[in-house]
Amino acid sequence: MAKETKITIETDSLLILRGRNSLRTWCPACTAESEMIALESVGVISNLDRPALEAWLNSGDLHRSLAADGSSLICLNSLLARVQNKKVS
């Protein structure tokens, strides 16, 4: 009698395109220069809904910084790490 094995593979992906909305600036949490995007732009590059984004911000998984105009910036390194379920210092 032949034995049957079923293998299921799940994958997630995140595509980040550099554009006019990103800027390279200091991330205090990474203690390094990083690409940052405006908080409002996160939905453009991710299918992340607003409640999930707020949860990630409140948990400290996403690094947040303030721009000169007072708007919130999100570190793309931390966003990518969170999507891949990794910790970033």
PDB file of N, CA and C in Angstrom:
ATOM      1  N   MET A   1       0.846  -1.174   0.000  1.00  0.00           N
ATOM      2  CA  MET A   1       0.000   0.000   0.000  1.00  0.00           C
ATOM      3  C   MET A   1       0.897   1.244   0.000  1.00  0.00           C
ATOM      4  N   ALA A   2       0.647   2.168  -0.920  1.00  0.00           N
ATOM      5  CA  ALA A   2       1.443   3.388  -1.030  1.00  0.00           C
ATOM      6  C   ALA A   2       1.039   4.382   0.052  1.00  0.00           C
ATOM      7  N   LYS A   3       2.024   5.097   0.540  1.00  0.00           N
ATOM      8  CA  LYS A   3       1.811   6.097   1.573  1.00  0.00           C
ATOM      9  C   LYS A   3       1.710   7.473   0.907  1.00  0.00           C
ATOM     10  N   GLU A   4       0.724   8.263   1.286  1.00  0.00           N
ATOM     11  CA  GLU A   4       0.536   9.582   0.697  1.00  0.00           C
ATOM     12  C   GLU A   4       0.935  10.655   1.698  1.00  0.00           C
ATOM     13  N   THR A   5       1.735  11.615   1.244  1.00  0.00           N
ATOM     14  CA  THR A   5       2.173  12.727   2.087  1.00  0.00           C
ATOM     15  C   THR A   5       1.728  14.024   1.428  1.00  0.00           C
ATOM     16  N   LYS A   6       1.088  14.878   2.221  1.00  0.00           N
ATOM     17  CA  LYS A   6       0.636  16.162   1.703  1.00  0.00           C
ATOM     18  C   LYS A   6       1.471  17.254   2.369  1.00  0.00           C
ATOM     19  N   ILE A   7       2.066  18.121   1.567  1.00  0.00           N
ATOM     20  CA  ILE A   7       2.886  19.218   2.075  1.00  0.00           C
ATOM     21  C   ILE A   7       2.223  20.529   1.674  1.00  0.00           C
ATOM     22  N   THR A   8       1.990  21.381   2.664  1.00  0.00           N
ATOM     23  CA  THR A   8       1.409  22.690   2.419  1.00  0.00           C
ATOM     24  C   THR A   8       2.444  23.751   2.770  1.00  0.00           C
ATOM     25  N   ILE A   9       2.672  24.662   1.849  1.00  0.00           N
ATOM     26  CA  ILE A   9       3.635  25.740   2.075  1.00  0.00           C
ATOM     27  C   ILE A   9       2.896  27.065   2.003  1.00  0.00           C
ATOM     28  N   GLU A  10       3.028  27.879   3.060  1.00  0.00           N
ATOM     29  CA  GLU A  10       2.426  29.204   3.090  1.00  0.00           C
ATOM     30  C   GLU A  10       3.534  30.239   2.977  1.00  0.00           C
ATOM     31  N   THR A  11       3.300  31.242   2.178  1.00  0.00           N
ATOM     32  CA  THR A  11       4.291  32.303   2.038  1.00  0.00           C
ATOM     33  C   THR A  11       3.612  33.662   2.135  1.00  0.00           C
ATOM     34  N   ASP A  12       4.358  34.625   2.618  1.00  0.00           N
ATOM     35  CA  ASP A  12       3.929  36.014   2.649  1.00  0.00           C
ATOM     36  C   ASP A  12       5.004  36.826   1.967  1.00  0.00           C
ATOM     37  N   SER A  13       4.609  37.919   1.382  1.00  0.00           N
ATOM     38  CA  SER A  13       5.614  38.781   0.764  1.00  0.00           C
ATOM     39  C   SER A  13       5.261  40.235   1.015  1.00  0.00           C
ATOM     40  N   LEU A  14       6.274  41.055   0.966  1.00  0.00           N
ATOM     41  CA  LEU A  14       6.113  42.492   1.128  1.00  0.00           C
ATOM     42  C   LEU A  14       6.998  43.152   0.091  1.00  0.00           C
ATOM     43  N   LEU A  15       6.395  43.972  -0.730  1.00  0.00           N
ATOM     44  CA  LEU A  15       7.146  44.684  -1.750  1.00  0.00           C
ATOM     45  C   LEU A  15       7.234  46.139  -1.335  1.00  0.00           C
ATOM     46  N   ILE A  16       8.444  46.616  -1.181  1.00  0.00           N
ATOM     47  CA  ILE A  16       8.652  48.005  -0.805  1.00  0.00           C
ATOM     48  C   ILE A  16       9.370  48.687  -1.953  1.00  0.00           C
ATOM     49  N   LEU A  17       8.737  49.696  -2.477  1.00  0.00           N
ATOM     50  CA  LEU A  17       9.326  50.465  -3.560  1.00  0.00           C
ATOM     51  C   LEU A  17       9.756  51.816  -3.012  1.00  0.00           C
ATOM     52  N   ARG A  18      10.983  52.179  -3.304  1.00  0.00           N
ATOM     53  CA  ARG A  18      11.439  53.498  -2.894  1.00  0.00           C
ATOM     54  C   ARG A  18      10.828  54.516  -3.833  1.00  0.00           C
ATOM     55  N   GLY A  19      10.356  55.564  -3.269  1.00  0.00           N
ATOM     56  CA  GLY A  19       9.742  56.595  -4.092  1.00  0.00           C
ATOM     57  C   GLY A  19       9.916  57.956  -3.467  1.00  0.00           C
ATOM     58  N   ARG A  20       9.115  58.849  -3.910  1.00  0.00           N
ATOM     59  CA  ARG A  20       9.198  60.217  -3.406  1.00  0.00           C
ATOM     60  C   ARG A  20       8.780  60.330  -1.961  1.00  0.00           C
ATOM     61  N   ASN A  21       7.995  59.379  -1.481  1.00  0.00           N
ATOM     62  CA  ASN A  21       7.455  59.476  -0.131  1.00  0.00           C
ATOM     63  C   ASN A  21       8.406  58.990   0.946  1.00  0.00           C
ATOM     64  N   SER A  22       9.492  58.325   0.587  1.00  0.00           N
ATOM     65  CA  SER A  22      10.416  57.835   1.601  1.00  0.00           C
ATOM     66  C   SER A  22      11.594  58.786   1.727  1.00  0.00           C
ATOM     67  N   LEU A  23      12.172  58.793   2.911  1.00  0.00           N
ATOM     68  CA  LEU A  23      13.368  59.583   3.113  1.00  0.00           C
ATOM     69  C   LEU A  23      14.310  58.821   4.023  1.00  0.00           C
ATOM     70  N   ARG A  24      15.573  59.073   3.857  1.00  0.00           N
ATOM     71  CA  ARG A  24      16.589  58.395   4.651  1.00  0.00           C
ATOM     72  C   ARG A  24      16.923  59.300   5.821  1.00  0.00           C
ATOM     73  N   THR A  25      16.695  58.792   7.026  1.00  0.00           N
ATOM     74  CA  THR A  25      16.942  59.572   8.228  1.00  0.00           C
ATOM     75  C   THR A  25      17.308  58.646   9.380  1.00  0.00           C
ATOM     76  N   TRP A  26      17.662  59.207  10.509  1.00  0.00           N
ATOM     77  CA  TRP A  26      18.102  58.457  11.678  1.00  0.00           C
ATOM     78  C   TRP A  26      16.916  57.801  12.378  1.00  0.00           C
ATOM     79  N   CYS A  27      17.038  56.510  12.648  1.00  0.00           N
ATOM     80  CA  CYS A  27      16.038  55.794  13.451  1.00  0.00           C
ATOM     81  C   CYS A  27      16.633  55.595  14.836  1.00  0.00           C
ATOM     82  N   PRO A  28      16.082  56.242  15.851  1.00  0.00           N
ATOM     83  CA  PRO A  28      16.638  56.117  17.199  1.00  0.00           C
ATOM     84  C   PRO A  28      16.585  54.682  17.742  1.00  0.00           C
ATOM     85  N   ALA A  29      15.572  53.927  17.376  1.00  0.00           N
ATOM     86  CA  ALA A  29      15.442  52.549  17.871  1.00  0.00           C
ATOM     87  C   ALA A  29      16.467  51.625  17.224  1.00  0.00           C
ATOM     88  N   CYS A  30      16.737  51.812  15.939  1.00  0.00           N
ATOM     89  CA  CYS A  30      17.744  51.008  15.231  1.00  0.00           C
ATOM     90  C   CYS A  30      19.157  51.523  15.517  1.00  0.00           C
ATOM     91  N   THR A  31      19.243  52.759  15.989  1.00  0.00           N
ATOM     92  CA  THR A  31      20.511  53.478  16.148  1.00  0.00           C
ATOM     93  C   THR A  31      21.318  53.432  14.853  1.00  0.00           C
ATOM     94  N   ALA A  32      20.615  53.708  13.751  1.00  0.00           N
ATOM     95  CA  ALA A  32      21.237  53.714  12.428  1.00  0.00           C
ATOM     96  C   ALA A  32      20.369  54.527  11.485  1.00  0.00           C
ATOM     97  N   GLU A  33      20.956  54.892  10.351  1.00  0.00           N
ATOM     98  CA  GLU A  33      20.201  55.555   9.315  1.00  0.00           C
ATOM     99  C   GLU A  33      19.291  54.529   8.649  1.00  0.00           C
ATOM    100  N   SER A  34      18.068  54.928   8.339  1.00  0.00           N
ATOM    101  CA  SER A  34      17.100  53.996   7.779  1.00  0.00           C
ATOM    102  C   SER A  34      16.160  54.733   6.844  1.00  0.00           C
ATOM    103  N   GLU A  35      15.550  53.977   5.933  1.00  0.00           N
ATOM    104  CA  GLU A  35      14.488  54.540   5.104  1.00  0.00           C
ATOM    105  C   GLU A  35      13.257  54.690   5.983  1.00  0.00           C
ATOM    106  N   MET A  36      12.631  55.834   5.908  1.00  0.00           N
ATOM    107  CA  MET A  36      11.420  56.106   6.688  1.00  0.00           C
ATOM    108  C   MET A  36      10.316  56.544   5.736  1.00  0.00           C
ATOM    109  N   ILE A  37       9.091  56.191   6.094  1.00  0.00           N
ATOM    110  CA  ILE A  37       7.940  56.646   5.328  1.00  0.00           C
ATOM    111  C   ILE A  37       6.940  57.258   6.292  1.00  0.00           C
ATOM    112  N   ALA A  38       6.098  58.116   5.754  1.00  0.00           N
ATOM    113  CA  ALA A  38       5.052  58.731   6.568  1.00  0.00           C
ATOM    114  C   ALA A  38       4.068  57.662   7.016  1.00  0.00           C
ATOM    115  N   LEU A  39       3.564  57.816   8.211  1.00  0.00           N
ATOM    116  CA  LEU A  39       2.607  56.858   8.766  1.00  0.00           C
ATOM    117  C   LEU A  39       1.422  56.655   7.831  1.00  0.00           C
ATOM    118  N   GLU A  40       0.984  57.708   7.188  1.00  0.00           N
ATOM    119  CA  GLU A  40      -0.160  57.627   6.269  1.00  0.00           C
ATOM    120  C   GLU A  40       0.147  56.780   5.040  1.00  0.00           C
ATOM    121  N   SER A  41       1.420  56.611   4.701  1.00  0.00           N
ATOM    122  CA  SER A  41       1.814  55.854   3.513  1.00  0.00           C
ATOM    123  C   SER A  41       1.938  54.353   3.765  1.00  0.00           C
ATOM    124  N   VAL A  42       1.867  53.925   5.008  1.00  0.00           N
ATOM    125  CA  VAL A  42       2.040  52.505   5.311  1.00  0.00           C
ATOM    126  C   VAL A  42       0.973  51.667   4.606  1.00  0.00           C
ATOM    127  N   GLY A  43      -0.248  52.140   4.559  1.00  0.00           N
ATOM    128  CA  GLY A  43      -1.320  51.415   3.889  1.00  0.00           C
ATOM    129  C   GLY A  43      -1.104  51.281   2.400  1.00  0.00           C
ATOM    130  N   VAL A  44      -0.343  52.195   1.818  1.00  0.00           N
ATOM    131  CA  VAL A  44      -0.073  52.153   0.388  1.00  0.00           C
ATOM    132  C   VAL A  44       0.841  50.989   0.044  1.00  0.00           C
ATOM    133  N   ILE A  45       1.809  50.669   0.915  1.00  0.00           N
ATOM    134  CA  ILE A  45       2.766  49.609   0.611  1.00  0.00           C
ATOM    135  C   ILE A  45       2.420  48.289   1.271  1.00  0.00           C
ATOM    136  N   SER A  46       1.393  48.272   2.084  1.00  0.00           N
ATOM    137  CA  SER A  46       1.041  47.061   2.811  1.00  0.00           C
ATOM    138  C   SER A  46      -0.468  46.901   2.812  1.00  0.00           C
ATOM    139  N   ASN A  47      -0.924  45.682   2.895  1.00  0.00           N
ATOM    140  CA  ASN A  47      -2.359  45.458   3.013  1.00  0.00           C
ATOM    141  C   ASN A  47      -2.783  45.443   4.482  1.00  0.00           C
ATOM    142  N   LEU A  48      -1.949  46.010   5.320  1.00  0.00           N
ATOM    143  CA  LEU A  48      -2.189  46.068   6.760  1.00  0.00           C
ATOM    144  C   LEU A  48      -3.348  47.011   7.059  1.00  0.00           C
ATOM    145  N   ASP A  49      -4.315  46.542   7.822  1.00  0.00           N
ATOM    146  CA  ASP A  49      -5.431  47.415   8.173  1.00  0.00           C
ATOM    147  C   ASP A  49      -5.057  48.303   9.371  1.00  0.00           C
ATOM    148  N   ARG A  50      -5.805  49.344   9.578  1.00  0.00           N
ATOM    149  CA  ARG A  50      -5.490  50.354  10.597  1.00  0.00           C
ATOM    150  C   ARG A  50      -5.416  49.763  12.011  1.00  0.00           C
ATOM    151  N   PRO A  51      -6.338  48.904  12.453  1.00  0.00           N
ATOM    152  CA  PRO A  51      -6.228  48.337  13.805  1.00  0.00           C
ATOM    153  C   PRO A  51      -4.952  47.516  14.009  1.00  0.00           C
ATOM    154  N   ALA A  52      -4.544  46.752  13.001  1.00  0.00           N
ATOM    155  CA  ALA A  52      -3.316  45.962  13.103  1.00  0.00           C
ATOM    156  C   ALA A  52      -2.106  46.882  13.169  1.00  0.00           C
ATOM    157  N   LEU A  53      -2.110  47.941  12.367  1.00  0.00           N
ATOM    158  CA  LEU A  53      -1.019  48.906  12.389  1.00  0.00           C
ATOM    159  C   LEU A  53      -0.906  49.555  13.766  1.00  0.00           C
ATOM    160  N   GLU A  54      -2.030  49.953  14.337  1.00  0.00           N
ATOM    161  CA  GLU A  54      -2.026  50.562  15.678  1.00  0.00           C
ATOM    162  C   GLU A  54      -1.498  49.582  16.724  1.00  0.00           C
ATOM    163  N   ALA A  55      -1.871  48.312  16.608  1.00  0.00           N
ATOM    164  CA  ALA A  55      -1.386  47.295  17.546  1.00  0.00           C
ATOM    165  C   ALA A  55       0.129  47.148  17.443  1.00  0.00           C
ATOM    166  N   TRP A  56       0.653  47.122  16.225  1.00  0.00           N
ATOM    167  CA  TRP A  56       2.102  47.010  16.027  1.00  0.00           C
ATOM    168  C   TRP A  56       2.819  48.230  16.580  1.00  0.00           C
ATOM    169  N   LEU A  57       2.239  49.423  16.368  1.00  0.00           N
ATOM    170  CA  LEU A  57       2.854  50.643  16.894  1.00  0.00           C
ATOM    171  C   LEU A  57       2.850  50.647  18.420  1.00  0.00           C
ATOM    172  N   ASN A  58       1.724  50.250  19.012  1.00  0.00           N
ATOM    173  CA  ASN A  58       1.611  50.235  20.470  1.00  0.00           C
ATOM    174  C   ASN A  58       2.502  49.182  21.117  1.00  0.00           C
ATOM    175  N   SER A  59       2.778  48.099  20.398  1.00  0.00           N
ATOM    176  CA  SER A  59       3.622  47.041  20.951  1.00  0.00           C
ATOM    177  C   SER A  59       5.102  47.400  20.876  1.00  0.00           C
ATOM    178  N   GLY A  60       5.429  48.430  20.091  1.00  0.00           N
ATOM    179  CA  GLY A  60       6.825  48.811  19.924  1.00  0.00           C
ATOM    180  C   GLY A  60       7.530  48.046  18.818  1.00  0.00           C
ATOM    181  N   ASP A  61       6.797  47.183  18.110  1.00  0.00           N
ATOM    182  CA  ASP A  61       7.394  46.422  17.012  1.00  0.00           C
ATOM    183  C   ASP A  61       7.795  47.321  15.851  1.00  0.00           C
ATOM    184  N   LEU A  62       7.037  48.395  15.637  1.00  0.00           N
ATOM    185  CA  LEU A  62       7.379  49.349  14.583  1.00  0.00           C
ATOM    186  C   LEU A  62       8.066  50.542  15.222  1.00  0.00           C
ATOM    187  N   HIS A  63       9.157  50.953  14.612  1.00  0.00           N
ATOM    188  CA  HIS A  63       9.894  52.111  15.112  1.00  0.00           C
ATOM    189  C   HIS A  63       9.269  53.378  14.543  1.00  0.00           C
ATOM    190  N   ARG A  64       8.960  54.299  15.438  1.00  0.00           N
ATOM    191  CA  ARG A  64       8.323  55.550  15.039  1.00  0.00           C
ATOM    192  C   ARG A  64       9.244  56.710  15.373  1.00  0.00           C
ATOM    193  N   SER A  65       9.258  57.684  14.494  1.00  0.00           N
ATOM    194  CA  SER A  65      10.061  58.879  14.685  1.00  0.00           C
ATOM    195  C   SER A  65       9.231  60.065  14.215  1.00  0.00           C
ATOM    196  N   LEU A  66       9.637  61.258  14.594  1.00  0.00           N
ATOM    197  CA  LEU A  66       8.919  62.450  14.156  1.00  0.00           C
ATOM    198  C   LEU A  66       9.716  63.199  13.106  1.00  0.00           C
ATOM    199  N   ALA A  67       9.025  63.637  12.071  1.00  0.00           N
ATOM    200  CA  ALA A  67       9.642  64.461  11.030  1.00  0.00           C
ATOM    201  C   ALA A  67       9.732  65.889  11.544  1.00  0.00           C
ATOM    202  N   ALA A  68      10.454  66.713  10.823  1.00  0.00           N
ATOM    203  CA  ALA A  68      10.613  68.115  11.202  1.00  0.00           C
ATOM    204  C   ALA A  68       9.271  68.837  11.281  1.00  0.00           C
ATOM    205  N   ASP A  69       8.312  68.417  10.445  1.00  0.00           N
ATOM    206  CA  ASP A  69       6.989  69.056  10.457  1.00  0.00           C
ATOM    207  C   ASP A  69       6.050  68.474  11.516  1.00  0.00           C
ATOM    208  N   GLY A  70       6.537  67.509  12.301  1.00  0.00           N
ATOM    209  CA  GLY A  70       5.739  66.920  13.378  1.00  0.00           C
ATOM    210  C   GLY A  70       4.969  65.674  12.987  1.00  0.00           C
ATOM    211  N   SER A  71       5.008  65.277  11.728  1.00  0.00           N
ATOM    212  CA  SER A  71       4.302  64.071  11.301  1.00  0.00           C
ATOM    213  C   SER A  71       5.086  62.825  11.721  1.00  0.00           C
ATOM    214  N   SER A  72       4.370  61.723  11.860  1.00  0.00           N
ATOM    215  CA  SER A  72       4.996  60.467  12.271  1.00  0.00           C
ATOM    216  C   SER A  72       5.622  59.757  11.090  1.00  0.00           C
ATOM    217  N   LEU A  73       6.824  59.221  11.313  1.00  0.00           N
ATOM    218  CA  LEU A  73       7.532  58.429  10.312  1.00  0.00           C
ATOM    219  C   LEU A  73       7.708  57.021  10.844  1.00  0.00           C
ATOM    220  N   ILE A  74       7.637  56.037   9.953  1.00  0.00           N
ATOM    221  CA  ILE A  74       7.811  54.635  10.321  1.00  0.00           C
ATOM    222  C   ILE A  74       9.077  54.109   9.647  1.00  0.00           C
ATOM    223  N   CYS A  75       9.897  53.412  10.419  1.00  0.00           N
ATOM    224  CA  CYS A  75      11.136  52.816   9.923  1.00  0.00           C
ATOM    225  C   CYS A  75      10.790  51.587   9.074  1.00  0.00           C
ATOM    226  N   LEU A  76      11.239  51.593   7.827  1.00  0.00           N
ATOM    227  CA  LEU A  76      10.941  50.466   6.937  1.00  0.00           C
ATOM    228  C   LEU A  76      11.640  49.186   7.384  1.00  0.00           C
ATOM    229  N   ASN A  77      12.809  49.305   8.033  1.00  0.00           N
ATOM    230  CA  ASN A  77      13.487  48.105   8.545  1.00  0.00           C
ATOM    231  C   ASN A  77      12.608  47.397   9.577  1.00  0.00           C
ATOM    232  N   SER A  78      11.996  48.162  10.470  1.00  0.00           N
ATOM    233  CA  SER A  78      11.150  47.551  11.491  1.00  0.00           C
ATOM    234  C   SER A  78       9.862  47.006  10.890  1.00  0.00           C
ATOM    235  N   LEU A  79       9.331  47.679   9.869  1.00  0.00           N
ATOM    236  CA  LEU A  79       8.125  47.184   9.204  1.00  0.00           C
ATOM    237  C   LEU A  79       8.398  45.859   8.513  1.00  0.00           C
ATOM    238  N   LEU A  80       9.511  45.787   7.800  1.00  0.00           N
ATOM    239  CA  LEU A  80       9.877  44.547   7.128  1.00  0.00           C
ATOM    240  C   LEU A  80      10.124  43.423   8.133  1.00  0.00           C
ATOM    241  N   ALA A  81      10.827  43.732   9.219  1.00  0.00           N
ATOM    242  CA  ALA A  81      11.099  42.721  10.244  1.00  0.00           C
ATOM    243  C   ALA A  81       9.806  42.237  10.885  1.00  0.00           C
ATOM    244  N   ARG A  82       8.862  43.136  11.123  1.00  0.00           N
ATOM    245  CA  ARG A  82       7.589  42.757  11.766  1.00  0.00           C
ATOM    246  C   ARG A  82       6.782  41.864  10.824  1.00  0.00           C
ATOM    247  N   VAL A  83       6.782  42.194   9.553  1.00  0.00           N
ATOM    248  CA  VAL A  83       6.053  41.367   8.586  1.00  0.00           C
ATOM    249  C   VAL A  83       6.662  39.977   8.513  1.00  0.00           C
ATOM    250  N   GLN A  84       7.993  39.906   8.645  1.00  0.00           N
ATOM    251  CA  GLN A  84       8.678  38.618   8.619  1.00  0.00           C
ATOM    252  C   GLN A  84       8.752  37.976   9.997  1.00  0.00           C
ATOM    253  N   ASN A  85       8.107  38.571  10.992  1.00  0.00           N
ATOM    254  CA  ASN A  85       8.058  38.086  12.368  1.00  0.00           C
ATOM    255  C   ASN A  85       9.436  37.942  12.992  1.00  0.00           C
ATOM    256  N   LYS A  86      10.280  38.946  12.776  1.00  0.00           N
ATOM    257  CA  LYS A  86      11.598  38.981  13.385  1.00  0.00           C
ATOM    258  C   LYS A  86      11.678  40.169  14.317  1.00  0.00           C
ATOM    259  N   LYS A  87      12.591  40.123  15.256  1.00  0.00           N
ATOM    260  CA  LYS A  87      12.807  41.244  16.166  1.00  0.00           C
ATOM    261  C   LYS A  87      13.931  42.114  15.627  1.00  0.00           C
ATOM    262  N   VAL A  88      13.732  43.435  15.722  1.00  0.00           N
ATOM    263  CA  VAL A  88      14.758  44.394  15.361  1.00  0.00           C
ATOM    264  C   VAL A  88      15.107  45.163  16.616  1.00  0.00           C
ATOM    265  N   SER A  89      16.402  45.399  16.832  1.00  0.00           N
ATOM    266  CA  SER A  89      16.816  46.122  18.044  1.00  0.00           C
ATOM    267  C   SER A  89      16.381  47.556  18.006  1.00  0.00           C
TER     268      SER A  89
END
